[in-house]
Amino acid sequence: MACDVAEGTRLTEQKLRELKPSPGSATIKEIVTQAHMFREVRNYALHVIETHDGDRETGFAETDATLLAIAARRYFVKLADLRDQLSSFPTR
């Protein structure tokens, strides 16, 4: 079964909002925003469109791609910390 990335992001946000103590709305917003940005870059790279999109195209320049990689590491470290919190979250 294929995972819908948008649905996965929505469910992740939902679970993060259920955490007690909360990781904070700023952290949740950062995680969700970063996930959407990664999805946008991925979609732009994989699904060719007729018009050039300068906002997304910059993600493929060397400097911007390096910054994206640095942001990705921070995103995945935070996500792993939150995953550990969720693993201790009681299931219903």
N, C-alpha and C. Protein backbone atom coordinates (compact mmCIF):
# COMPACT_ATOMS: atom_id res chain seq x y z
N MET A 1 0.85 -1.18 0.00
CA MET A 1 0.00 0.00 0.00
C MET A 1 0.90 1.25 0.00
N ALA A 2 0.69 2.10 -0.96
CA ALA A 2 1.47 3.33 -1.07
C ALA A 2 1.04 4.33 0.00
N CYS A 3 2.01 5.05 0.51
CA CYS A 3 1.72 6.05 1.53
C CYS A 3 1.54 7.41 0.87
N ASP A 4 0.45 8.05 1.15
CA ASP A 4 0.22 9.41 0.68
C ASP A 4 0.99 10.33 1.62
N VAL A 5 1.98 11.03 1.08
CA VAL A 5 2.85 11.85 1.91
C VAL A 5 2.08 12.96 2.61
N ALA A 6 1.14 13.57 1.93
CA ALA A 6 0.35 14.63 2.55
C ALA A 6 -0.46 14.08 3.73
N GLU A 7 -1.01 12.90 3.55
CA GLU A 7 -1.77 12.27 4.64
C GLU A 7 -0.84 11.89 5.78
N GLY A 8 0.34 11.40 5.46
CA GLY A 8 1.32 11.08 6.50
C GLY A 8 1.72 12.30 7.30
N THR A 9 1.89 13.42 6.62
CA THR A 9 2.22 14.68 7.30
C THR A 9 1.08 15.12 8.20
N ARG A 10 -0.14 14.99 7.69
CA ARG A 10 -1.32 15.37 8.49
C ARG A 10 -1.44 14.51 9.74
N LEU A 11 -1.25 13.21 9.59
CA LEU A 11 -1.34 12.31 10.74
C LEU A 11 -0.21 12.54 11.74
N THR A 12 0.98 12.85 11.23
CA THR A 12 2.11 13.17 12.11
C THR A 12 1.79 14.40 12.94
N GLU A 13 1.27 15.43 12.29
CA GLU A 13 0.90 16.65 13.01
C GLU A 13 -0.15 16.34 14.08
N GLN A 14 -1.14 15.55 13.72
CA GLN A 14 -2.20 15.18 14.66
C GLN A 14 -1.61 14.49 15.90
N LYS A 15 -0.73 13.51 15.68
CA LYS A 15 -0.12 12.79 16.80
C LYS A 15 0.77 13.69 17.64
N LEU A 16 1.50 14.60 17.01
CA LEU A 16 2.35 15.52 17.76
C LEU A 16 1.50 16.43 18.64
N ARG A 17 0.35 16.83 18.15
CA ARG A 17 -0.53 17.70 18.95
C ARG A 17 -1.13 16.95 20.15
N GLU A 18 -1.17 15.63 20.07
CA GLU A 18 -1.71 14.82 21.17
C GLU A 18 -0.67 14.55 22.26
N LEU A 19 0.61 14.82 21.98
CA LEU A 19 1.66 14.53 22.96
C LEU A 19 1.49 15.36 24.23
N LYS A 20 1.70 14.72 25.36
CA LYS A 20 1.72 15.39 26.65
C LYS A 20 3.00 15.00 27.33
N PRO A 21 3.91 15.87 27.67
CA PRO A 21 3.81 17.30 27.42
C PRO A 21 4.00 17.61 25.93
N SER A 22 3.39 18.68 25.51
CA SER A 22 3.45 19.08 24.11
C SER A 22 4.86 19.53 23.74
N PRO A 23 5.30 19.18 22.52
CA PRO A 23 6.60 19.68 22.08
C PRO A 23 6.55 21.18 21.77
N GLY A 24 5.37 21.74 21.79
CA GLY A 24 5.20 23.17 21.52
C GLY A 24 4.73 23.41 20.09
N SER A 25 3.88 24.39 19.94
CA SER A 25 3.30 24.64 18.62
C SER A 25 4.35 25.10 17.62
N ALA A 26 5.40 25.79 18.08
CA ALA A 26 6.44 26.24 17.15
C ALA A 26 7.20 25.04 16.58
N THR A 27 7.50 24.04 17.42
CA THR A 27 8.19 22.85 16.95
C THR A 27 7.32 22.07 15.98
N ILE A 28 6.06 21.92 16.31
CA ILE A 28 5.13 21.21 15.44
C ILE A 28 5.02 21.91 14.10
N LYS A 29 4.88 23.23 14.14
CA LYS A 29 4.77 24.00 12.89
C LYS A 29 6.05 23.86 12.06
N GLU A 30 7.21 23.88 12.72
CA GLU A 30 8.48 23.73 12.01
C GLU A 30 8.55 22.38 11.32
N ILE A 31 8.19 21.31 12.02
CA ILE A 31 8.22 19.96 11.46
C ILE A 31 7.28 19.86 10.25
N VAL A 32 6.07 20.35 10.41
CA VAL A 32 5.06 20.25 9.35
C VAL A 32 5.46 21.11 8.15
N THR A 33 5.94 22.32 8.39
CA THR A 33 6.36 23.20 7.31
C THR A 33 7.52 22.60 6.53
N GLN A 34 8.49 22.02 7.25
CA GLN A 34 9.64 21.40 6.60
C GLN A 34 9.19 20.21 5.76
N ALA A 35 8.27 19.41 6.28
CA ALA A 35 7.75 18.25 5.53
C ALA A 35 7.08 18.71 4.24
N HIS A 36 6.29 19.77 4.32
CA HIS A 36 5.62 20.29 3.12
C HIS A 36 6.66 20.80 2.10
N MET A 37 7.70 21.46 2.61
CA MET A 37 8.72 21.99 1.71
C MET A 37 9.46 20.86 1.00
N PHE A 38 9.82 19.80 1.75
CA PHE A 38 10.48 18.65 1.13
C PHE A 38 9.59 18.03 0.07
N ARG A 39 8.31 17.95 0.35
CA ARG A 39 7.36 17.37 -0.61
C ARG A 39 7.27 18.23 -1.87
N GLU A 40 7.24 19.55 -1.68
CA GLU A 40 7.19 20.47 -2.83
C GLU A 40 8.41 20.30 -3.73
N VAL A 41 9.60 20.25 -3.12
CA VAL A 41 10.83 20.09 -3.90
C VAL A 41 10.82 18.75 -4.62
N ARG A 42 10.43 17.70 -3.91
CA ARG A 42 10.35 16.37 -4.51
C ARG A 42 9.40 16.36 -5.69
N ASN A 43 8.21 16.90 -5.48
CA ASN A 43 7.21 16.91 -6.55
C ASN A 43 7.68 17.72 -7.76
N TYR A 44 8.34 18.84 -7.51
CA TYR A 44 8.84 19.66 -8.60
C TYR A 44 9.90 18.90 -9.40
N ALA A 45 10.75 18.16 -8.69
CA ALA A 45 11.80 17.40 -9.37
C ALA A 45 11.25 16.22 -10.16
N LEU A 46 10.21 15.59 -9.65
CA LEU A 46 9.69 14.37 -10.28
C LEU A 46 8.61 14.61 -11.31
N HIS A 47 7.86 15.68 -11.15
CA HIS A 47 6.71 15.92 -12.03
C HIS A 47 6.96 17.19 -12.85
N VAL A 48 7.42 16.99 -14.05
CA VAL A 48 7.76 18.11 -14.92
C VAL A 48 6.50 18.91 -15.26
N ILE A 49 6.62 20.22 -15.13
CA ILE A 49 5.52 21.11 -15.50
C ILE A 49 5.99 22.02 -16.63
N GLU A 50 5.04 22.59 -17.34
CA GLU A 50 5.40 23.41 -18.49
C GLU A 50 6.11 24.70 -18.11
N THR A 51 5.68 25.34 -17.04
CA THR A 51 6.24 26.64 -16.68
C THR A 51 7.37 26.47 -15.67
N HIS A 52 8.36 27.33 -15.80
CA HIS A 52 9.50 27.34 -14.88
C HIS A 52 9.06 27.95 -13.55
N ASP A 53 9.43 27.33 -12.44
CA ASP A 53 9.07 27.83 -11.11
C ASP A 53 10.36 28.20 -10.37
N GLY A 54 10.69 29.47 -10.40
CA GLY A 54 11.93 29.95 -9.79
C GLY A 54 12.03 29.67 -8.31
N ASP A 55 10.91 29.72 -7.60
CA ASP A 55 10.93 29.46 -6.15
C ASP A 55 11.41 28.04 -5.86
N ARG A 56 10.94 27.10 -6.62
CA ARG A 56 11.34 25.71 -6.39
C ARG A 56 12.66 25.38 -7.07
N GLU A 57 12.93 26.02 -8.17
CA GLU A 57 14.16 25.75 -8.92
C GLU A 57 15.40 26.08 -8.10
N THR A 58 15.33 27.08 -7.24
CA THR A 58 16.50 27.46 -6.45
C THR A 58 16.97 26.31 -5.55
N GLY A 59 16.07 25.42 -5.18
CA GLY A 59 16.45 24.29 -4.35
C GLY A 59 17.43 23.35 -5.01
N PHE A 60 17.64 23.51 -6.32
CA PHE A 60 18.54 22.63 -7.05
C PHE A 60 19.89 23.27 -7.35
N ALA A 61 20.07 24.54 -6.97
CA ALA A 61 21.38 25.18 -7.10
C ALA A 61 22.29 24.62 -6.00
N GLU A 62 23.60 24.65 -6.21
CA GLU A 62 24.53 24.02 -5.28
C GLU A 62 24.40 24.55 -3.85
N THR A 63 24.40 25.86 -3.69
CA THR A 63 24.31 26.45 -2.35
C THR A 63 22.98 26.11 -1.69
N ASP A 64 21.90 26.27 -2.42
CA ASP A 64 20.59 25.99 -1.84
C ASP A 64 20.39 24.51 -1.54
N ALA A 65 20.94 23.64 -2.38
CA ALA A 65 20.85 22.21 -2.13
C ALA A 65 21.63 21.84 -0.87
N THR A 66 22.76 22.51 -0.64
CA THR A 66 23.54 22.28 0.57
C THR A 66 22.75 22.70 1.80
N LEU A 67 22.12 23.86 1.72
CA LEU A 67 21.29 24.34 2.84
C LEU A 67 20.11 23.41 3.08
N LEU A 68 19.54 22.89 2.02
CA LEU A 68 18.44 21.94 2.14
C LEU A 68 18.91 20.67 2.85
N ALA A 69 20.11 20.21 2.52
CA ALA A 69 20.66 19.02 3.18
C ALA A 69 20.90 19.27 4.66
N ILE A 70 21.40 20.46 5.01
CA ILE A 70 21.61 20.81 6.42
C ILE A 70 20.26 20.88 7.14
N ALA A 71 19.28 21.49 6.51
CA ALA A 71 17.94 21.57 7.11
C ALA A 71 17.34 20.18 7.27
N ALA A 72 17.62 19.30 6.30
CA ALA A 72 17.08 17.94 6.37
C ALA A 72 17.62 17.21 7.58
N ARG A 73 18.90 17.35 7.86
CA ARG A 73 19.46 16.68 9.03
C ARG A 73 18.78 17.15 10.31
N ARG A 74 18.64 18.46 10.44
CA ARG A 74 17.98 19.02 11.64
C ARG A 74 16.54 18.51 11.73
N TYR A 75 15.84 18.48 10.60
CA TYR A 75 14.46 18.00 10.56
C TYR A 75 14.38 16.54 11.03
N PHE A 76 15.27 15.69 10.50
CA PHE A 76 15.20 14.28 10.86
C PHE A 76 15.63 14.02 12.31
N VAL A 77 16.56 14.82 12.84
CA VAL A 77 16.93 14.69 14.25
C VAL A 77 15.74 15.05 15.13
N LYS A 78 15.08 16.17 14.82
CA LYS A 78 13.90 16.56 15.60
C LYS A 78 12.79 15.53 15.47
N LEU A 79 12.59 15.04 14.26
CA LEU A 79 11.55 14.04 14.03
C LEU A 79 11.84 12.76 14.82
N ALA A 80 13.10 12.36 14.88
CA ALA A 80 13.48 11.17 15.66
C ALA A 80 13.22 11.38 17.15
N ASP A 81 13.53 12.56 17.65
CA ASP A 81 13.24 12.86 19.06
C ASP A 81 11.74 12.79 19.34
N LEU A 82 10.96 13.34 18.43
CA LEU A 82 9.51 13.31 18.60
C LEU A 82 8.96 11.90 18.45
N ARG A 83 9.57 11.11 17.56
CA ARG A 83 9.17 9.71 17.41
C ARG A 83 9.38 8.95 18.71
N ASP A 84 10.52 9.22 19.38
CA ASP A 84 10.79 8.58 20.66
C ASP A 84 9.74 8.97 21.70
N GLN A 85 9.33 10.23 21.68
CA GLN A 85 8.26 10.66 22.60
C GLN A 85 6.96 9.93 22.27
N LEU A 86 6.66 9.81 20.98
CA LEU A 86 5.43 9.13 20.58
C LEU A 86 5.45 7.65 20.95
N SER A 87 6.63 7.02 20.93
CA SER A 87 6.70 5.59 21.23
C SER A 87 6.35 5.33 22.69
N SER A 88 6.49 6.33 23.53
CA SER A 88 6.12 6.18 24.93
C SER A 88 4.68 6.66 25.19
N PHE A 89 4.03 7.13 24.13
CA PHE A 89 2.65 7.64 24.22
C PHE A 89 1.70 6.45 24.32
N PRO A 90 0.81 6.43 25.33
CA PRO A 90 -0.10 5.29 25.45
C PRO A 90 -1.04 5.17 24.26
N THR A 91 -1.20 3.95 23.78
CA THR A 91 -2.12 3.71 22.65
C THR A 91 -3.52 3.53 23.19
N ARG A 92 -4.47 3.80 22.33
CA ARG A 92 -5.88 3.67 22.75
C ARG A 92 -6.42 2.32 22.45
